[in-house]
Amino acid sequence: MVNFNNKRKASVDLKSPIILTVMVIITVILGLRGIAAYKLKTLNLAYDNAIIRLEEAITVMITNGADYFHSPLYSDKELSDYSLKPGKFLREIVGVSEYCGNSNGNCFAKKYTYENKQPYKPIFEGGCATLKNGPAICMKPQIKNNNIKGIIDVNGKDAPNIYGKDLRLFEIRAKIRNYDPNEAVGKVKEVY
């Protein structure tokens, strides 16, 4: 209420709604930025967890006596069908809820964008699957001394479907053979 008898009080009463409006706007902006930062942190953690899960599966496979270089994660040559190599690793060792074969099938979202909203067309190569805990993944095995490579959507088909946020490329460092494969024939346990 404006009191014309006291000019000082009148000016304070007129400024109060403006100050309150500015404070509400600042609070909303800070809240939205906090939510965006939280979502990005959650996606980063999901990515880290998915890669750790793959690396742990490799470690378990080797610990159980498998020779990595005779496993589904290694090939001496480029493959035309990835279902026998990384597909088998994903199905039997990591665990999948849906296996999509050599293409993304129904494992990934239909459309992706860059952060600037421009369309992004991912390349899906390798054995593709939706893991039991939700991420969608396509991966190629280690070919000779090249790293295991792939693409992962840490929350499957769910939004935001943005390259660099939930859709990311990954590499797992190549293992180096420290023996002559011709001398090791019959002395190693194969995973099949």
N, C-alpha and C. Protein backbone atom coordinates (compact mmCIF):
# COMPACT_ATOMS: atom_id res chain seq x y z
N MET A 1 0.84 -1.18 0.00
CA MET A 1 0.00 0.00 0.00
C MET A 1 0.88 1.24 0.00
N VAL A 2 0.49 2.24 -0.76
CA VAL A 2 1.28 3.47 -0.88
C VAL A 2 0.77 4.49 0.14
N ASN A 3 1.70 5.01 0.90
CA ASN A 3 1.37 6.05 1.88
C ASN A 3 1.96 7.35 1.37
N PHE A 4 1.11 8.28 0.95
CA PHE A 4 1.58 9.54 0.37
C PHE A 4 2.07 10.51 1.44
N ASN A 5 1.77 10.26 2.69
CA ASN A 5 2.24 11.13 3.76
C ASN A 5 3.72 10.91 4.03
N ASN A 6 4.22 9.71 3.77
CA ASN A 6 5.63 9.42 4.02
C ASN A 6 6.26 9.00 2.69
N LYS A 7 7.00 9.90 2.04
CA LYS A 7 7.57 9.63 0.72
C LYS A 7 8.57 8.48 0.75
N ARG A 8 9.30 8.37 1.82
CA ARG A 8 10.31 7.32 1.92
C ARG A 8 9.65 5.94 1.91
N LYS A 9 8.60 5.76 2.67
CA LYS A 9 7.90 4.49 2.73
C LYS A 9 7.24 4.18 1.38
N ALA A 10 6.73 5.15 0.68
CA ALA A 10 6.09 4.96 -0.61
C ALA A 10 7.08 4.39 -1.62
N SER A 11 8.31 4.89 -1.64
CA SER A 11 9.28 4.40 -2.60
C SER A 11 9.70 2.96 -2.29
N VAL A 12 9.76 2.60 -1.02
CA VAL A 12 10.13 1.23 -0.63
C VAL A 12 9.02 0.28 -1.04
N ASP A 13 7.79 0.63 -0.83
CA ASP A 13 6.68 -0.24 -1.18
C ASP A 13 6.61 -0.48 -2.68
N LEU A 14 6.94 0.51 -3.50
CA LEU A 14 6.91 0.34 -4.95
C LEU A 14 8.07 -0.55 -5.44
N LYS A 15 9.19 -0.54 -4.74
CA LYS A 15 10.35 -1.34 -5.16
C LYS A 15 10.23 -2.80 -4.72
N SER A 16 9.48 -3.08 -3.71
CA SER A 16 9.39 -4.45 -3.17
C SER A 16 8.95 -5.48 -4.21
N PRO A 17 7.90 -5.23 -4.99
CA PRO A 17 7.51 -6.23 -6.00
C PRO A 17 8.58 -6.42 -7.07
N ILE A 18 9.28 -5.39 -7.43
CA ILE A 18 10.32 -5.49 -8.45
C ILE A 18 11.47 -6.33 -7.91
N ILE A 19 11.88 -6.07 -6.70
CA ILE A 19 12.97 -6.84 -6.08
C ILE A 19 12.57 -8.31 -5.95
N LEU A 20 11.35 -8.54 -5.51
CA LEU A 20 10.86 -9.92 -5.37
C LEU A 20 10.84 -10.63 -6.72
N THR A 21 10.39 -9.96 -7.77
CA THR A 21 10.36 -10.55 -9.12
C THR A 21 11.76 -10.90 -9.60
N VAL A 22 12.71 -9.99 -9.40
CA VAL A 22 14.10 -10.24 -9.80
C VAL A 22 14.66 -11.43 -9.03
N MET A 23 14.38 -11.50 -7.75
CA MET A 23 14.89 -12.61 -6.94
C MET A 23 14.29 -13.95 -7.41
N VAL A 24 13.02 -13.97 -7.75
CA VAL A 24 12.39 -15.20 -8.24
C VAL A 24 13.01 -15.62 -9.56
N ILE A 25 13.22 -14.68 -10.47
CA ILE A 25 13.84 -14.99 -11.78
C ILE A 25 15.24 -15.55 -11.58
N ILE A 26 16.04 -14.92 -10.72
CA ILE A 26 17.40 -15.41 -10.46
C ILE A 26 17.36 -16.81 -9.86
N THR A 27 16.45 -17.05 -8.94
CA THR A 27 16.32 -18.38 -8.32
C THR A 27 15.94 -19.43 -9.35
N VAL A 28 15.02 -19.11 -10.25
CA VAL A 28 14.61 -20.05 -11.29
C VAL A 28 15.78 -20.36 -12.23
N ILE A 29 16.51 -19.32 -12.64
CA ILE A 29 17.66 -19.52 -13.54
C ILE A 29 18.71 -20.40 -12.87
N LEU A 30 19.04 -20.10 -11.62
CA LEU A 30 20.03 -20.92 -10.90
C LEU A 30 19.54 -22.35 -10.72
N GLY A 31 18.26 -22.51 -10.46
CA GLY A 31 17.69 -23.86 -10.32
C GLY A 31 17.78 -24.66 -11.61
N LEU A 32 17.45 -24.02 -12.73
CA LEU A 32 17.53 -24.71 -14.03
C LEU A 32 18.97 -25.08 -14.37
N ARG A 33 19.91 -24.18 -14.09
CA ARG A 33 21.33 -24.48 -14.35
C ARG A 33 21.78 -25.63 -13.46
N GLY A 34 21.33 -25.67 -12.22
CA GLY A 34 21.67 -26.75 -11.31
C GLY A 34 21.13 -28.09 -11.79
N ILE A 35 19.91 -28.09 -12.28
CA ILE A 35 19.30 -29.33 -12.82
C ILE A 35 20.07 -29.80 -14.04
N ALA A 36 20.44 -28.89 -14.95
CA ALA A 36 21.20 -29.26 -16.14
C ALA A 36 22.57 -29.83 -15.76
N ALA A 37 23.23 -29.22 -14.79
CA ALA A 37 24.53 -29.72 -14.33
C ALA A 37 24.38 -31.10 -13.70
N TYR A 38 23.30 -31.30 -12.94
CA TYR A 38 23.05 -32.60 -12.32
C TYR A 38 22.81 -33.68 -13.37
N LYS A 39 22.02 -33.36 -14.40
CA LYS A 39 21.76 -34.33 -15.47
C LYS A 39 23.05 -34.71 -16.20
N LEU A 40 23.90 -33.72 -16.50
CA LEU A 40 25.16 -33.99 -17.17
C LEU A 40 26.06 -34.86 -16.30
N LYS A 41 26.11 -34.57 -15.03
CA LYS A 41 26.92 -35.38 -14.10
C LYS A 41 26.39 -36.81 -14.05
N THR A 42 25.08 -36.96 -14.05
CA THR A 42 24.47 -38.29 -14.04
C THR A 42 24.84 -39.06 -15.31
N LEU A 43 24.80 -38.40 -16.47
CA LEU A 43 25.18 -39.05 -17.72
C LEU A 43 26.66 -39.42 -17.72
N ASN A 44 27.51 -38.55 -17.17
CA ASN A 44 28.94 -38.87 -17.08
C ASN A 44 29.17 -40.09 -16.19
N LEU A 45 28.48 -40.17 -15.07
CA LEU A 45 28.61 -41.33 -14.19
C LEU A 45 28.10 -42.61 -14.87
N ALA A 46 27.00 -42.49 -15.61
CA ALA A 46 26.47 -43.66 -16.31
C ALA A 46 27.46 -44.15 -17.36
N TYR A 47 28.10 -43.23 -18.07
CA TYR A 47 29.11 -43.61 -19.06
C TYR A 47 30.29 -44.31 -18.37
N ASP A 48 30.80 -43.70 -17.31
CA ASP A 48 31.92 -44.31 -16.58
C ASP A 48 31.56 -45.70 -16.08
N ASN A 49 30.36 -45.85 -15.53
CA ASN A 49 29.93 -47.16 -15.02
C ASN A 49 29.82 -48.20 -16.13
N ALA A 50 29.32 -47.81 -17.29
CA ALA A 50 29.19 -48.75 -18.40
C ALA A 50 30.56 -49.22 -18.89
N ILE A 51 31.52 -48.31 -19.00
CA ILE A 51 32.87 -48.68 -19.44
C ILE A 51 33.55 -49.55 -18.38
N ILE A 52 33.39 -49.20 -17.12
CA ILE A 52 33.95 -50.02 -16.04
C ILE A 52 33.35 -51.42 -16.08
N ARG A 53 32.06 -51.51 -16.35
CA ARG A 53 31.40 -52.82 -16.43
C ARG A 53 32.01 -53.67 -17.55
N LEU A 54 32.27 -53.06 -18.71
CA LEU A 54 32.90 -53.79 -19.82
C LEU A 54 34.31 -54.24 -19.44
N GLU A 55 35.08 -53.33 -18.83
CA GLU A 55 36.44 -53.67 -18.44
C GLU A 55 36.47 -54.78 -17.38
N GLU A 56 35.51 -54.73 -16.45
CA GLU A 56 35.43 -55.78 -15.42
C GLU A 56 35.06 -57.12 -16.05
N ALA A 57 34.19 -57.11 -17.04
CA ALA A 57 33.82 -58.35 -17.72
C ALA A 57 35.02 -58.96 -18.43
N ILE A 58 35.86 -58.11 -19.01
CA ILE A 58 37.09 -58.60 -19.65
C ILE A 58 38.01 -59.21 -18.61
N THR A 59 38.16 -58.54 -17.48
CA THR A 59 39.02 -59.04 -16.40
C THR A 59 38.50 -60.37 -15.87
N VAL A 60 37.21 -60.48 -15.67
CA VAL A 60 36.62 -61.74 -15.18
C VAL A 60 36.86 -62.86 -16.19
N MET A 61 36.67 -62.56 -17.47
CA MET A 61 36.88 -63.56 -18.51
C MET A 61 38.32 -64.08 -18.45
N ILE A 62 39.29 -63.18 -18.34
CA ILE A 62 40.70 -63.58 -18.29
C ILE A 62 41.01 -64.30 -16.98
N THR A 63 40.47 -63.82 -15.88
CA THR A 63 40.69 -64.45 -14.57
C THR A 63 40.17 -65.88 -14.55
N ASN A 64 39.10 -66.12 -15.28
CA ASN A 64 38.52 -67.47 -15.33
C ASN A 64 39.30 -68.39 -16.26
N GLY A 65 40.46 -67.96 -16.72
CA GLY A 65 41.34 -68.84 -17.48
C GLY A 65 41.26 -68.71 -18.98
N ALA A 66 40.48 -67.77 -19.48
CA ALA A 66 40.37 -67.62 -20.93
C ALA A 66 41.60 -66.90 -21.48
N ASP A 67 42.06 -67.32 -22.61
CA ASP A 67 43.13 -66.61 -23.31
C ASP A 67 42.47 -65.49 -24.10
N TYR A 68 42.79 -64.27 -23.77
CA TYR A 68 42.18 -63.11 -24.40
C TYR A 68 42.29 -63.18 -25.92
N PHE A 69 43.41 -63.67 -26.42
CA PHE A 69 43.65 -63.66 -27.87
C PHE A 69 42.92 -64.79 -28.60
N HIS A 70 42.21 -65.62 -27.85
CA HIS A 70 41.32 -66.62 -28.44
C HIS A 70 39.89 -66.38 -27.97
N SER A 71 39.64 -65.18 -27.49
CA SER A 71 38.32 -64.84 -26.95
C SER A 71 37.49 -64.10 -28.00
N PRO A 72 36.22 -63.85 -27.67
CA PRO A 72 35.36 -63.09 -28.58
C PRO A 72 35.77 -61.62 -28.74
N LEU A 73 36.76 -61.17 -28.00
CA LEU A 73 37.17 -59.76 -28.09
C LEU A 73 38.39 -59.53 -28.96
N TYR A 74 38.89 -60.58 -29.60
CA TYR A 74 40.10 -60.42 -30.40
C TYR A 74 39.91 -61.06 -31.76
N SER A 75 40.47 -60.41 -32.78
CA SER A 75 40.46 -60.96 -34.13
C SER A 75 41.74 -60.55 -34.83
N ASP A 76 42.26 -61.45 -35.65
CA ASP A 76 43.45 -61.13 -36.44
C ASP A 76 43.09 -60.37 -37.72
N LYS A 77 41.79 -60.31 -38.04
CA LYS A 77 41.38 -59.65 -39.28
C LYS A 77 40.04 -58.95 -39.08
N GLU A 78 39.73 -58.03 -39.98
CA GLU A 78 38.45 -57.32 -39.97
C GLU A 78 37.34 -58.34 -40.20
N LEU A 79 36.22 -58.18 -39.51
CA LEU A 79 35.12 -59.14 -39.60
C LEU A 79 33.96 -58.56 -40.42
N SER A 80 33.23 -59.45 -41.09
CA SER A 80 32.01 -59.01 -41.77
C SER A 80 30.79 -59.29 -40.89
N ASP A 81 30.91 -60.23 -39.96
CA ASP A 81 29.83 -60.58 -39.05
C ASP A 81 30.38 -60.50 -37.62
N TYR A 82 29.83 -59.57 -36.85
CA TYR A 82 30.33 -59.36 -35.49
C TYR A 82 29.58 -60.18 -34.45
N SER A 83 28.61 -60.97 -34.85
CA SER A 83 27.84 -61.73 -33.87
C SER A 83 28.66 -62.82 -33.19
N LEU A 84 29.70 -63.33 -33.88
CA LEU A 84 30.50 -64.40 -33.27
C LEU A 84 31.59 -63.86 -32.34
N LYS A 85 31.95 -62.63 -32.46
CA LYS A 85 33.03 -62.08 -31.62
C LYS A 85 32.45 -61.16 -30.54
N PRO A 86 32.35 -59.85 -30.77
CA PRO A 86 31.86 -59.02 -29.66
C PRO A 86 30.41 -59.31 -29.30
N GLY A 87 29.62 -59.79 -30.26
CA GLY A 87 28.24 -60.16 -29.96
C GLY A 87 28.18 -61.27 -28.93
N LYS A 88 29.03 -62.26 -29.09
CA LYS A 88 29.09 -63.37 -28.13
C LYS A 88 29.55 -62.86 -26.76
N PHE A 89 30.56 -61.98 -26.75
CA PHE A 89 31.03 -61.39 -25.49
C PHE A 89 29.90 -60.66 -24.78
N LEU A 90 29.16 -59.84 -25.53
CA LEU A 90 28.06 -59.08 -24.92
C LEU A 90 26.96 -60.01 -24.41
N ARG A 91 26.58 -61.00 -25.21
CA ARG A 91 25.49 -61.91 -24.82
C ARG A 91 25.87 -62.81 -23.65
N GLU A 92 27.04 -63.41 -23.70
CA GLU A 92 27.37 -64.45 -22.73
C GLU A 92 28.14 -63.97 -21.51
N ILE A 93 28.88 -62.89 -21.65
CA ILE A 93 29.72 -62.47 -20.53
C ILE A 93 29.19 -61.21 -19.86
N VAL A 94 28.80 -60.21 -20.64
CA VAL A 94 28.31 -58.96 -20.07
C VAL A 94 26.84 -59.10 -19.68
N GLY A 95 26.02 -59.66 -20.56
CA GLY A 95 24.59 -59.82 -20.30
C GLY A 95 23.78 -58.74 -20.99
N VAL A 96 22.84 -59.15 -21.81
CA VAL A 96 22.03 -58.20 -22.56
C VAL A 96 20.54 -58.47 -22.34
N SER A 97 19.75 -57.42 -22.50
CA SER A 97 18.30 -57.60 -22.46
C SER A 97 17.75 -57.74 -23.88
N GLU A 98 18.49 -57.18 -24.87
CA GLU A 98 18.11 -57.32 -26.28
C GLU A 98 19.37 -57.31 -27.12
N TYR A 99 19.51 -58.28 -28.00
CA TYR A 99 20.65 -58.32 -28.90
C TYR A 99 20.18 -57.89 -30.28
N CYS A 100 20.90 -56.95 -30.89
CA CYS A 100 20.49 -56.37 -32.17
C CYS A 100 21.37 -56.80 -33.34
N GLY A 101 22.34 -57.67 -33.11
CA GLY A 101 23.17 -58.16 -34.19
C GLY A 101 24.18 -57.14 -34.68
N ASN A 102 24.37 -57.10 -36.00
CA ASN A 102 25.38 -56.23 -36.61
C ASN A 102 24.91 -54.82 -36.89
N SER A 103 23.73 -54.45 -36.44
CA SER A 103 23.24 -53.09 -36.65
C SER A 103 22.55 -52.63 -35.38
N ASN A 104 22.23 -51.35 -35.34
CA ASN A 104 21.63 -50.82 -34.13
C ASN A 104 20.23 -51.37 -33.87
N GLY A 105 19.54 -51.82 -34.91
CA GLY A 105 18.21 -52.40 -34.73
C GLY A 105 17.33 -51.53 -33.85
N ASN A 106 16.76 -52.14 -32.83
CA ASN A 106 15.90 -51.40 -31.90
C ASN A 106 16.64 -51.01 -30.64
N CYS A 107 17.96 -51.15 -30.62
CA CYS A 107 18.72 -50.87 -29.41
C CYS A 107 18.94 -49.38 -29.15
N PHE A 108 19.02 -48.60 -30.21
CA PHE A 108 19.31 -47.17 -30.07
C PHE A 108 18.11 -46.34 -30.48
N ALA A 109 18.15 -45.05 -30.11
CA ALA A 109 17.11 -44.11 -30.53
C ALA A 109 17.18 -43.94 -32.04
N LYS A 110 16.09 -43.50 -32.63
CA LYS A 110 16.04 -43.33 -34.09
C LYS A 110 16.76 -42.06 -34.56
N LYS A 111 16.80 -41.02 -33.72
CA LYS A 111 17.43 -39.76 -34.11
C LYS A 111 18.33 -39.26 -32.99
N TYR A 112 19.46 -38.68 -33.42
CA TYR A 112 20.40 -38.04 -32.49
C TYR A 112 20.76 -36.67 -33.04
N THR A 113 21.18 -35.78 -32.14
CA THR A 113 21.62 -34.45 -32.54
C THR A 113 22.93 -34.12 -31.83
N TYR A 114 23.60 -33.09 -32.36
CA TYR A 114 24.70 -32.48 -31.64
C TYR A 114 24.09 -31.55 -30.59
N GLU A 115 24.91 -31.00 -29.71
CA GLU A 115 24.39 -30.08 -28.69
C GLU A 115 23.79 -28.83 -29.30
N ASN A 116 24.24 -28.45 -30.51
CA ASN A 116 23.69 -27.26 -31.17
C ASN A 116 22.41 -27.58 -31.96
N LYS A 117 21.84 -28.74 -31.74
CA LYS A 117 20.57 -29.20 -32.34
C LYS A 117 20.68 -29.64 -33.79
N GLN A 118 21.87 -29.62 -34.37
CA GLN A 118 22.06 -30.12 -35.73
C GLN A 118 21.97 -31.65 -35.70
N PRO A 119 21.44 -32.28 -36.75
CA PRO A 119 21.33 -33.74 -36.75
C PRO A 119 22.71 -34.42 -36.70
N TYR A 120 22.78 -35.52 -35.97
CA TYR A 120 24.00 -36.32 -35.90
C TYR A 120 23.64 -37.74 -36.33
N LYS A 121 24.37 -38.27 -37.29
CA LYS A 121 24.13 -39.63 -37.80
C LYS A 121 25.24 -40.54 -37.29
N PRO A 122 24.98 -41.29 -36.22
CA PRO A 122 26.02 -42.18 -35.70
C PRO A 122 26.29 -43.36 -36.62
N ILE A 123 27.51 -43.87 -36.55
CA ILE A 123 27.88 -45.08 -37.29
C ILE A 123 27.89 -46.23 -36.30
N PHE A 124 27.01 -47.18 -36.54
CA PHE A 124 26.90 -48.34 -35.66
C PHE A 124 27.62 -49.50 -36.31
N GLU A 125 28.76 -49.88 -35.75
CA GLU A 125 29.51 -51.03 -36.26
C GLU A 125 29.78 -51.98 -35.12
N GLY A 126 29.76 -53.26 -35.43
CA GLY A 126 30.09 -54.26 -34.42
C GLY A 126 28.85 -54.96 -33.91
N GLY A 127 29.04 -55.73 -32.86
CA GLY A 127 27.92 -56.38 -32.20
C GLY A 127 27.16 -55.34 -31.39
N CYS A 128 25.84 -55.26 -31.61
CA CYS A 128 25.02 -54.23 -30.95
C CYS A 128 24.01 -54.88 -30.02
N ALA A 129 23.81 -54.27 -28.86
CA ALA A 129 22.88 -54.82 -27.87
C ALA A 129 22.45 -53.74 -26.89
N THR A 130 21.37 -54.02 -26.20
CA THR A 130 20.97 -53.23 -25.04
C THR A 130 21.37 -54.06 -23.83
N LEU A 131 22.21 -53.50 -22.98
CA LEU A 131 22.68 -54.21 -21.80
C LEU A 131 21.56 -54.30 -20.77
N LYS A 132 21.69 -55.24 -19.84
CA LYS A 132 20.65 -55.45 -18.85
C LYS A 132 20.37 -54.23 -17.99
N ASN A 133 21.36 -53.39 -17.76
CA ASN A 133 21.13 -52.21 -16.92
C ASN A 133 20.76 -50.96 -17.74
N GLY A 134 20.46 -51.12 -19.04
CA GLY A 134 19.91 -50.02 -19.82
C GLY A 134 20.72 -49.44 -20.95
N PRO A 135 22.06 -49.36 -20.88
CA PRO A 135 22.79 -48.75 -22.00
C PRO A 135 22.68 -49.55 -23.29
N ALA A 136 22.69 -48.84 -24.41
CA ALA A 136 22.76 -49.48 -25.73
C ALA A 136 24.20 -49.36 -26.20
N ILE A 137 24.72 -50.43 -26.81
CA ILE A 137 26.14 -50.44 -27.17
C ILE A 137 26.35 -51.17 -28.49
N CYS A 138 27.26 -50.68 -29.30
CA CYS A 138 27.79 -51.39 -30.46
C CYS A 138 29.31 -51.40 -30.28
N MET A 139 29.93 -52.55 -30.42
CA MET A 139 31.38 -52.60 -30.25
C MET A 139 32.03 -53.55 -31.23
N LYS A 140 33.24 -53.15 -31.64
CA LYS A 140 34.08 -53.98 -32.51
C LYS A 140 35.17 -54.59 -31.64
N PRO A 141 35.62 -55.79 -31.99
CA PRO A 141 36.67 -56.41 -31.18
C PRO A 141 38.02 -55.74 -31.44
N GLN A 142 39.00 -56.11 -30.61
CA GLN A 142 40.37 -55.69 -30.88
C GLN A 142 40.80 -56.41 -32.14
N ILE A 143 41.23 -55.66 -33.15
CA ILE A 143 41.72 -56.26 -34.40
C ILE A 143 43.22 -56.01 -34.44
N LYS A 144 43.96 -57.08 -34.31
CA LYS A 144 45.43 -57.03 -34.16
C LYS A 144 45.76 -56.15 -32.98
N ASN A 145 46.50 -55.06 -33.19
CA ASN A 145 46.89 -54.20 -32.06
C ASN A 145 46.03 -52.95 -31.92
N ASN A 146 44.88 -52.91 -32.59
CA ASN A 146 43.98 -51.76 -32.48
C ASN A 146 43.07 -51.91 -31.27
N ASN A 147 42.72 -50.80 -30.66
CA ASN A 147 41.86 -50.82 -29.49
C ASN A 147 40.48 -51.37 -29.81
N ILE A 148 39.80 -51.88 -28.79
CA ILE A 148 38.38 -52.21 -28.90
C ILE A 148 37.67 -50.87 -29.04
N LYS A 149 36.78 -50.75 -30.02
CA LYS A 149 36.10 -49.48 -30.27
C LYS A 149 34.60 -49.69 -30.30
N GLY A 150 33.90 -48.63 -29.94
CA GLY A 150 32.45 -48.74 -29.97
C GLY A 150 31.76 -47.42 -29.74
N ILE A 151 30.44 -47.53 -29.70
CA ILE A 151 29.58 -46.38 -29.45
C ILE A 151 28.57 -46.82 -28.40
N ILE A 152 28.26 -45.94 -27.47
CA ILE A 152 27.36 -46.30 -26.38
C ILE A 152 26.39 -45.16 -26.12
N ASP A 153 25.14 -45.51 -25.91
CA ASP A 153 24.13 -44.56 -25.44
C ASP A 153 23.82 -44.98 -24.01
N VAL A 154 24.27 -44.19 -23.05
CA VAL A 154 24.25 -44.62 -21.66
C VAL A 154 22.85 -44.81 -21.09
N ASN A 155 21.85 -44.23 -21.72
CA ASN A 155 20.48 -44.44 -21.23
C ASN A 155 19.58 -45.03 -22.31
N GLY A 156 20.18 -45.77 -23.23
CA GLY A 156 19.40 -46.44 -24.27
C GLY A 156 18.66 -45.45 -25.15
N LYS A 157 17.40 -45.71 -25.39
CA LYS A 157 16.61 -44.87 -26.29
C LYS A 157 16.12 -43.58 -25.63
N ASP A 158 16.26 -43.47 -24.31
CA ASP A 158 15.74 -42.31 -23.59
C ASP A 158 16.47 -41.03 -23.97
N ALA A 159 15.76 -39.91 -23.84
CA ALA A 159 16.33 -38.58 -24.13
C ALA A 159 17.49 -38.31 -23.18
N PRO A 160 18.42 -37.46 -23.54
CA PRO A 160 18.31 -36.40 -24.54
C PRO A 160 18.74 -36.80 -25.95
N ASN A 161 19.41 -37.94 -26.15
CA ASN A 161 19.85 -38.40 -27.47
C ASN A 161 20.72 -37.34 -28.17
N ILE A 162 21.73 -36.89 -27.44
CA ILE A 162 22.66 -35.86 -27.92
C ILE A 162 24.07 -36.43 -27.89
N TYR A 163 24.75 -36.32 -29.04
CA TYR A 163 26.13 -36.78 -29.12
C TYR A 163 26.99 -35.95 -28.16
N GLY A 164 27.73 -36.63 -27.32
CA GLY A 164 28.57 -35.96 -26.34
C GLY A 164 27.94 -35.92 -24.96
N LYS A 165 26.65 -36.16 -24.89
CA LYS A 165 25.98 -36.24 -23.59
C LYS A 165 25.68 -37.70 -23.28
N ASP A 166 24.58 -38.24 -23.83
CA ASP A 166 24.29 -39.64 -23.56
C ASP A 166 24.85 -40.58 -24.63
N LEU A 167 25.10 -40.10 -25.83
CA LEU A 167 25.69 -40.91 -26.90
C LEU A 167 27.17 -40.56 -27.02
N ARG A 168 28.04 -41.57 -26.86
CA ARG A 168 29.48 -41.30 -26.87
C ARG A 168 30.21 -42.45 -27.54
N LEU A 169 31.37 -42.10 -28.10
CA LEU A 169 32.29 -43.11 -28.62
C LEU A 169 33.17 -43.56 -27.46
N PHE A 170 33.68 -44.80 -27.54
CA PHE A 170 34.59 -45.25 -26.51
C PHE A 170 35.66 -46.15 -27.12
N GLU A 171 36.76 -46.28 -26.41
CA GLU A 171 37.84 -47.19 -26.76
C GLU A 171 38.34 -47.84 -25.49
N ILE A 172 38.64 -49.13 -25.60
CA ILE A 172 39.27 -49.86 -24.50
C ILE A 172 40.63 -50.29 -25.01
N ARG A 173 41.64 -49.97 -24.26
CA ARG A 173 43.03 -50.18 -24.68
C ARG A 173 43.28 -51.63 -25.11
N ALA A 174 44.01 -51.76 -26.20
CA ALA A 174 44.35 -53.08 -26.75
C ALA A 174 45.30 -53.82 -25.82
N LYS A 175 45.10 -55.12 -25.76
CA LYS A 175 46.04 -55.99 -25.04
C LYS A 175 47.14 -56.38 -26.03
N ILE A 176 48.34 -56.51 -25.53
CA ILE A 176 49.48 -56.87 -26.37
C ILE A 176 49.86 -58.32 -26.09
N ARG A 177 49.99 -59.07 -27.15
CA ARG A 177 50.33 -60.48 -27.04
C ARG A 177 51.81 -60.60 -26.66
N ASN A 178 52.09 -61.35 -25.60
CA ASN A 178 53.48 -61.51 -25.15
C ASN A 178 53.99 -62.94 -25.38
N TYR A 179 53.39 -63.60 -26.35
CA TYR A 179 53.84 -64.94 -26.71
C TYR A 179 53.61 -65.15 -28.19
N ASP A 180 54.27 -66.13 -28.75
CA ASP A 180 54.10 -66.48 -30.16
C ASP A 180 52.87 -67.36 -30.27
N PRO A 181 51.83 -66.92 -31.00
CA PRO A 181 50.60 -67.71 -31.07
C PRO A 181 50.80 -69.10 -31.66
N ASN A 182 51.80 -69.27 -32.52
CA ASN A 182 52.05 -70.59 -33.10
C ASN A 182 52.59 -71.58 -32.07
N GLU A 183 53.31 -71.08 -31.07
CA GLU A 183 53.84 -71.94 -30.02
C GLU A 183 52.79 -72.26 -28.97
N ALA A 184 51.75 -71.43 -28.87
CA ALA A 184 50.76 -71.59 -27.81
C ALA A 184 49.59 -72.48 -28.22
N VAL A 185 49.53 -72.95 -29.44
CA VAL A 185 48.39 -73.73 -29.91
C VAL A 185 48.28 -75.00 -29.04
N GLY A 186 47.07 -75.21 -28.53
CA GLY A 186 46.82 -76.36 -27.69
C GLY A 186 47.16 -76.13 -26.23
N LYS A 187 47.78 -75.02 -25.90
CA LYS A 187 48.16 -74.74 -24.52
C LYS A 187 47.27 -73.67 -23.87
N VAL A 188 46.32 -73.12 -24.64
CA VAL A 188 45.49 -72.06 -24.12
C VAL A 188 44.03 -72.48 -24.11
N LYS A 189 43.29 -71.90 -23.20
CA LYS A 189 41.86 -72.18 -23.12
C LYS A 189 41.11 -71.19 -24.00
N GLU A 190 40.37 -71.68 -24.96
CA GLU A 190 39.59 -70.81 -25.83
C GLU A 190 38.21 -70.59 -25.23
N VAL A 191 37.62 -69.45 -25.53
CA VAL A 191 36.28 -69.14 -25.05
C VAL A 191 35.31 -69.31 -26.21
N TYR A 192 34.61 -70.43 -26.24
CA TYR A 192 33.60 -70.68 -27.27
C TYR A 192 32.52 -71.57 -26.80
